[in-house]
Structure formats: structure tokens, C-alpha cells
């Protein structure tokens, strides 16, 4: 297995409350990319919301057999976390997950 840092871009179609954002980060805490050398070096936060915009990025650590499997896993983690955080389905559009780092240690 390889550890990947995956970035999942998205757009909030319904603005989340601060409580929803906090719940989203809590739901993804186990996938915090700062546990990897790349995530630590880049000082990646789990959630980045771009000021003045509904756009956001989620940065996750995922263990997988391949890059496509890591991308699928990251998308599933984000979808589940949004649901857990109380953000209604369809209230956020997700983009294509991108591999932003690989930690092979």
C-alpha cells in the first residue's frame, strides 16, 4: 500500500455554517495529511475555503494500491464526511480528486 495525499476540490452550493465546517473537519480528522512528510512540509490543512468564494479544497491522506483507488477513496471519504457534518446531499459540488503527494515510506 502507498500513502497518497489527495486534494478534492469543490464548491459549496449552499453556504455551510461554521458548525458544519467544524463538523466536516472533525469527520475527516483521521485522514489529516499532516501525518505525511508531504503534508507536513506543505503545512496542509484538511479544509481550505477560499475567501470571497464558495470554492473549497479538502486535503486528505489515503492509503491505496493505486492512484485511481486513492482518488475514489478520497471522494468517498469527502461525500461521507459532508453527510456526517449535516451538509445536505447536493449542497456541494465536488470536482475530480487530484493526487498532490505520494509518501512511500
N, C-alpha and C. Protein backbone atom coordinates (compact mmCIF):
# COMPACT_ATOMS: atom_id res chain seq x y z
N UNK A 1 0.85 -1.19 0.00
CA UNK A 1 0.00 0.00 0.00
C UNK A 1 0.89 1.24 0.00
N UNK A 2 0.40 2.24 -0.66
CA UNK A 2 1.08 3.53 -0.74
C UNK A 2 0.19 4.58 -0.11
N UNK A 3 0.81 5.54 0.55
CA UNK A 3 0.08 6.65 1.13
C UNK A 3 0.08 7.82 0.15
N UNK A 4 -1.11 8.27 -0.18
CA UNK A 4 -1.29 9.39 -1.11
C UNK A 4 -1.86 10.58 -0.36
N UNK A 5 -1.47 11.77 -0.78
CA UNK A 5 -2.15 12.98 -0.36
C UNK A 5 -3.00 13.38 -1.56
N UNK A 6 -4.32 13.46 -1.31
CA UNK A 6 -5.27 13.72 -2.39
C UNK A 6 -6.00 15.02 -2.08
N UNK A 7 -6.12 15.87 -3.07
CA UNK A 7 -6.88 17.11 -2.95
C UNK A 7 -8.20 16.93 -3.69
N UNK A 8 -9.29 17.19 -2.96
CA UNK A 8 -10.63 17.12 -3.56
C UNK A 8 -11.18 18.54 -3.61
N UNK A 9 -11.28 19.13 -4.81
CA UNK A 9 -11.83 20.48 -4.93
C UNK A 9 -13.35 20.42 -4.93
N UNK A 10 -13.95 21.53 -4.55
CA UNK A 10 -15.40 21.57 -4.59
C UNK A 10 -15.93 22.98 -4.49
N UNK A 11 -17.23 23.07 -4.60
CA UNK A 11 -17.93 24.34 -4.48
C UNK A 11 -19.15 24.13 -3.60
N UNK A 12 -19.27 24.96 -2.58
CA UNK A 12 -20.47 24.91 -1.74
C UNK A 12 -21.60 25.59 -2.51
N UNK A 13 -22.65 24.85 -2.81
CA UNK A 13 -23.80 25.42 -3.49
C UNK A 13 -24.76 26.04 -2.49
N UNK A 14 -24.65 25.58 -1.24
CA UNK A 14 -25.35 26.18 -0.11
C UNK A 14 -24.28 26.48 0.93
N UNK A 15 -24.19 27.71 1.36
CA UNK A 15 -23.13 28.10 2.30
C UNK A 15 -23.24 27.31 3.61
N UNK A 16 -22.14 26.67 4.01
CA UNK A 16 -22.15 25.92 5.26
C UNK A 16 -22.01 26.86 6.46
N UNK A 17 -22.57 26.47 7.57
CA UNK A 17 -22.38 27.23 8.80
C UNK A 17 -20.99 26.92 9.35
N UNK A 18 -20.54 27.71 10.28
CA UNK A 18 -19.25 27.46 10.92
C UNK A 18 -19.28 26.10 11.62
N UNK A 19 -20.42 25.76 12.22
CA UNK A 19 -20.55 24.46 12.89
C UNK A 19 -20.42 23.32 11.88
N UNK A 20 -20.97 23.50 10.68
CA UNK A 20 -20.87 22.48 9.65
C UNK A 20 -19.42 22.32 9.20
N UNK A 21 -18.72 23.42 9.04
CA UNK A 21 -17.30 23.36 8.67
C UNK A 21 -16.50 22.61 9.72
N UNK A 22 -16.74 22.94 10.99
CA UNK A 22 -16.03 22.28 12.08
C UNK A 22 -16.35 20.79 12.11
N UNK A 23 -17.60 20.43 11.90
CA UNK A 23 -18.01 19.03 11.89
C UNK A 23 -17.36 18.30 10.70
N UNK A 24 -17.23 18.97 9.58
CA UNK A 24 -16.60 18.38 8.40
C UNK A 24 -15.14 18.07 8.69
N UNK A 25 -14.43 19.00 9.28
CA UNK A 25 -13.02 18.78 9.63
C UNK A 25 -12.90 17.65 10.65
N UNK A 26 -13.77 17.63 11.65
CA UNK A 26 -13.75 16.54 12.64
C UNK A 26 -13.96 15.19 11.98
N UNK A 27 -14.90 15.14 11.03
CA UNK A 27 -15.22 13.88 10.35
C UNK A 27 -14.04 13.37 9.51
N UNK A 28 -13.17 14.28 9.09
CA UNK A 28 -12.02 13.91 8.26
C UNK A 28 -10.70 13.89 9.02
N UNK A 29 -10.73 14.13 10.32
CA UNK A 29 -9.50 14.24 11.11
C UNK A 29 -8.59 13.02 10.95
N UNK A 30 -9.15 11.83 10.83
CA UNK A 30 -8.32 10.63 10.69
C UNK A 30 -7.56 10.61 9.36
N UNK A 31 -7.97 11.41 8.41
CA UNK A 31 -7.29 11.48 7.11
C UNK A 31 -6.46 12.75 6.97
N UNK A 32 -6.09 13.37 8.10
CA UNK A 32 -5.31 14.61 8.09
C UNK A 32 -3.98 14.40 7.37
N UNK A 33 -3.70 15.15 6.31
CA UNK A 33 -2.47 14.94 5.54
C UNK A 33 -1.20 15.36 6.28
N UNK A 34 -1.33 16.04 7.41
CA UNK A 34 -0.14 16.46 8.13
C UNK A 34 0.59 15.28 8.76
N UNK A 35 -0.01 14.08 8.65
CA UNK A 35 0.66 12.86 9.11
C UNK A 35 1.68 12.35 8.12
N UNK A 36 1.75 12.96 6.94
CA UNK A 36 2.71 12.56 5.91
C UNK A 36 3.83 13.60 5.83
N UNK A 37 4.97 13.18 5.29
CA UNK A 37 6.08 14.13 5.11
C UNK A 37 5.66 15.27 4.20
N UNK A 38 4.94 14.96 3.12
CA UNK A 38 4.50 15.99 2.17
C UNK A 38 3.53 16.95 2.84
N UNK A 39 2.54 16.41 3.54
CA UNK A 39 1.53 17.25 4.19
C UNK A 39 2.13 18.16 5.24
N UNK A 40 3.11 17.63 5.97
CA UNK A 40 3.77 18.43 6.99
C UNK A 40 4.62 19.52 6.35
N UNK A 41 5.37 19.16 5.30
CA UNK A 41 6.24 20.13 4.63
C UNK A 41 5.43 21.25 3.98
N UNK A 42 4.27 20.91 3.45
CA UNK A 42 3.42 21.90 2.78
C UNK A 42 2.46 22.59 3.74
N UNK A 43 2.45 22.15 5.01
CA UNK A 43 1.56 22.69 6.04
C UNK A 43 0.10 22.68 5.56
N UNK A 44 -0.34 21.53 5.08
CA UNK A 44 -1.69 21.41 4.53
C UNK A 44 -2.73 21.29 5.64
N UNK A 45 -3.76 22.07 5.55
CA UNK A 45 -4.92 21.92 6.41
C UNK A 45 -5.88 20.98 5.70
N UNK A 46 -6.76 20.35 6.47
CA UNK A 46 -7.75 19.47 5.85
C UNK A 46 -8.67 20.29 4.94
N UNK A 47 -9.18 21.40 5.44
CA UNK A 47 -10.14 22.21 4.69
C UNK A 47 -9.59 23.59 4.41
N UNK A 48 -9.63 23.98 3.15
CA UNK A 48 -9.30 25.34 2.75
C UNK A 48 -10.53 25.90 2.04
N UNK A 49 -11.06 27.00 2.57
CA UNK A 49 -12.17 27.70 1.92
C UNK A 49 -11.61 29.02 1.41
N UNK A 50 -11.84 29.28 0.14
CA UNK A 50 -11.26 30.45 -0.50
C UNK A 50 -12.12 31.68 -0.23
N UNK A 51 -11.50 32.68 0.38
CA UNK A 51 -12.20 33.90 0.80
C UNK A 51 -12.93 34.55 -0.36
N UNK A 52 -14.18 34.93 -0.09
CA UNK A 52 -14.98 35.61 -1.10
C UNK A 52 -15.50 34.69 -2.19
N UNK A 53 -15.40 33.40 -1.95
CA UNK A 53 -15.79 32.43 -2.97
C UNK A 53 -16.42 31.21 -2.29
N UNK A 54 -17.31 30.51 -2.97
CA UNK A 54 -17.85 29.29 -2.39
C UNK A 54 -16.94 28.08 -2.64
N UNK A 55 -15.79 28.31 -3.30
CA UNK A 55 -14.87 27.21 -3.62
C UNK A 55 -14.10 26.77 -2.38
N UNK A 56 -13.80 25.48 -2.36
CA UNK A 56 -13.02 24.92 -1.25
C UNK A 56 -12.16 23.77 -1.78
N UNK A 57 -11.18 23.38 -0.96
CA UNK A 57 -10.37 22.19 -1.23
C UNK A 57 -10.25 21.41 0.05
N UNK A 58 -10.34 20.11 -0.06
CA UNK A 58 -10.11 19.21 1.07
C UNK A 58 -8.85 18.41 0.74
N UNK A 59 -7.93 18.36 1.69
CA UNK A 59 -6.66 17.65 1.52
C UNK A 59 -6.68 16.45 2.46
N UNK A 60 -6.50 15.26 1.89
CA UNK A 60 -6.63 14.03 2.67
C UNK A 60 -5.46 13.09 2.46
N UNK A 61 -5.16 12.33 3.50
CA UNK A 61 -4.20 11.23 3.42
C UNK A 61 -5.00 9.96 3.20
N UNK A 62 -4.64 9.21 2.15
CA UNK A 62 -5.36 7.99 1.81
C UNK A 62 -4.35 6.90 1.49
N UNK A 63 -4.55 5.71 2.06
CA UNK A 63 -3.73 4.56 1.69
C UNK A 63 -4.48 3.76 0.65
N UNK A 64 -3.77 3.43 -0.43
CA UNK A 64 -4.42 2.70 -1.51
C UNK A 64 -3.37 1.96 -2.32
N UNK A 65 -3.85 1.01 -3.15
CA UNK A 65 -2.99 0.23 -4.03
C UNK A 65 -2.54 1.02 -5.25
N UNK A 66 -3.35 2.01 -5.65
CA UNK A 66 -3.05 2.76 -6.87
C UNK A 66 -3.60 4.17 -6.76
N UNK A 67 -3.15 5.05 -7.63
CA UNK A 67 -3.64 6.42 -7.65
C UNK A 67 -5.14 6.48 -7.91
N UNK A 68 -5.67 5.75 -8.89
CA UNK A 68 -7.13 5.80 -9.09
C UNK A 68 -7.92 5.32 -7.87
N UNK A 69 -7.40 4.31 -7.19
CA UNK A 69 -8.08 3.82 -5.98
C UNK A 69 -8.03 4.88 -4.88
N UNK A 70 -6.91 5.61 -4.79
CA UNK A 70 -6.79 6.69 -3.80
C UNK A 70 -7.78 7.80 -4.10
N UNK A 71 -7.93 8.15 -5.38
CA UNK A 71 -8.88 9.20 -5.77
C UNK A 71 -10.31 8.78 -5.43
N UNK A 72 -10.66 7.54 -5.72
CA UNK A 72 -12.01 7.04 -5.41
C UNK A 72 -12.26 7.05 -3.91
N UNK A 73 -11.26 6.60 -3.15
CA UNK A 73 -11.39 6.56 -1.70
C UNK A 73 -11.56 7.96 -1.11
N UNK A 74 -10.78 8.92 -1.62
CA UNK A 74 -10.87 10.29 -1.13
C UNK A 74 -12.25 10.88 -1.41
N UNK A 75 -12.76 10.66 -2.59
CA UNK A 75 -14.10 11.17 -2.95
C UNK A 75 -15.16 10.58 -2.03
N UNK A 76 -15.05 9.28 -1.75
CA UNK A 76 -15.99 8.62 -0.85
C UNK A 76 -15.89 9.17 0.57
N UNK A 77 -14.65 9.40 1.04
CA UNK A 77 -14.46 9.98 2.37
C UNK A 77 -15.11 11.36 2.48
N UNK A 78 -14.93 12.17 1.46
CA UNK A 78 -15.50 13.53 1.47
C UNK A 78 -17.02 13.48 1.43
N UNK A 79 -17.58 12.63 0.58
CA UNK A 79 -19.03 12.50 0.49
C UNK A 79 -19.62 12.08 1.83
N UNK A 80 -18.99 11.07 2.47
CA UNK A 80 -19.46 10.61 3.78
C UNK A 80 -19.31 11.69 4.85
N UNK A 81 -18.19 12.43 4.81
CA UNK A 81 -17.95 13.48 5.80
C UNK A 81 -18.94 14.62 5.66
N UNK A 82 -19.27 14.99 4.43
CA UNK A 82 -20.26 16.05 4.22
C UNK A 82 -21.61 15.62 4.80
N UNK A 83 -21.97 14.37 4.59
CA UNK A 83 -23.23 13.85 5.12
C UNK A 83 -23.19 13.85 6.66
N UNK A 84 -22.10 13.36 7.22
CA UNK A 84 -21.93 13.32 8.67
C UNK A 84 -21.99 14.72 9.28
N UNK A 85 -21.45 15.70 8.56
CA UNK A 85 -21.41 17.09 9.05
C UNK A 85 -22.77 17.78 8.93
N UNK A 86 -23.74 17.09 8.32
CA UNK A 86 -25.07 17.67 8.21
C UNK A 86 -25.25 18.54 6.99
N UNK A 87 -24.31 18.47 6.06
CA UNK A 87 -24.43 19.26 4.83
C UNK A 87 -25.27 18.43 3.87
N UNK A 88 -26.43 18.92 3.46
CA UNK A 88 -27.33 18.12 2.63
C UNK A 88 -26.68 17.67 1.31
N UNK A 89 -27.06 16.46 0.89
CA UNK A 89 -26.56 15.96 -0.39
C UNK A 89 -26.95 16.93 -1.50
N UNK A 90 -26.03 17.21 -2.37
CA UNK A 90 -26.28 18.15 -3.46
C UNK A 90 -25.98 19.59 -3.08
N UNK A 91 -25.61 19.84 -1.82
CA UNK A 91 -25.31 21.20 -1.39
C UNK A 91 -23.85 21.58 -1.64
N UNK A 92 -23.08 20.60 -2.14
CA UNK A 92 -21.70 20.87 -2.51
C UNK A 92 -21.39 20.05 -3.76
N UNK A 93 -20.81 20.70 -4.74
CA UNK A 93 -20.38 20.01 -5.96
C UNK A 93 -18.90 19.68 -5.82
N UNK A 94 -18.54 18.42 -6.04
CA UNK A 94 -17.16 18.00 -5.91
C UNK A 94 -16.52 17.88 -7.28
N UNK A 95 -15.26 18.32 -7.35
CA UNK A 95 -14.50 18.18 -8.58
C UNK A 95 -13.76 16.86 -8.60
N UNK A 96 -12.89 16.70 -9.57
CA UNK A 96 -12.10 15.48 -9.71
C UNK A 96 -10.96 15.49 -8.69
N UNK A 97 -10.85 14.45 -7.86
CA UNK A 97 -9.74 14.38 -6.91
C UNK A 97 -8.40 14.32 -7.64
N UNK A 98 -7.41 15.01 -7.06
CA UNK A 98 -6.09 15.10 -7.67
C UNK A 98 -5.04 14.60 -6.67
N UNK A 99 -4.13 13.76 -7.14
CA UNK A 99 -3.02 13.31 -6.30
C UNK A 99 -2.04 14.47 -6.20
N UNK A 100 -1.80 14.94 -4.97
CA UNK A 100 -0.89 16.07 -4.79
C UNK A 100 0.39 15.66 -4.07
N UNK A 101 0.46 14.41 -3.63
CA UNK A 101 1.67 13.93 -2.99
C UNK A 101 1.62 12.43 -2.82
N UNK A 102 2.81 11.81 -2.78
CA UNK A 102 2.92 10.37 -2.55
C UNK A 102 3.99 10.17 -1.50
N UNK A 103 3.65 9.41 -0.46
CA UNK A 103 4.57 9.11 0.63
C UNK A 103 4.77 7.61 0.63
N UNK A 104 5.91 7.14 0.16
CA UNK A 104 6.13 5.70 0.01
C UNK A 104 6.83 5.05 1.18
N UNK A 105 7.06 5.78 2.26
CA UNK A 105 7.75 5.20 3.43
C UNK A 105 6.91 4.15 4.09
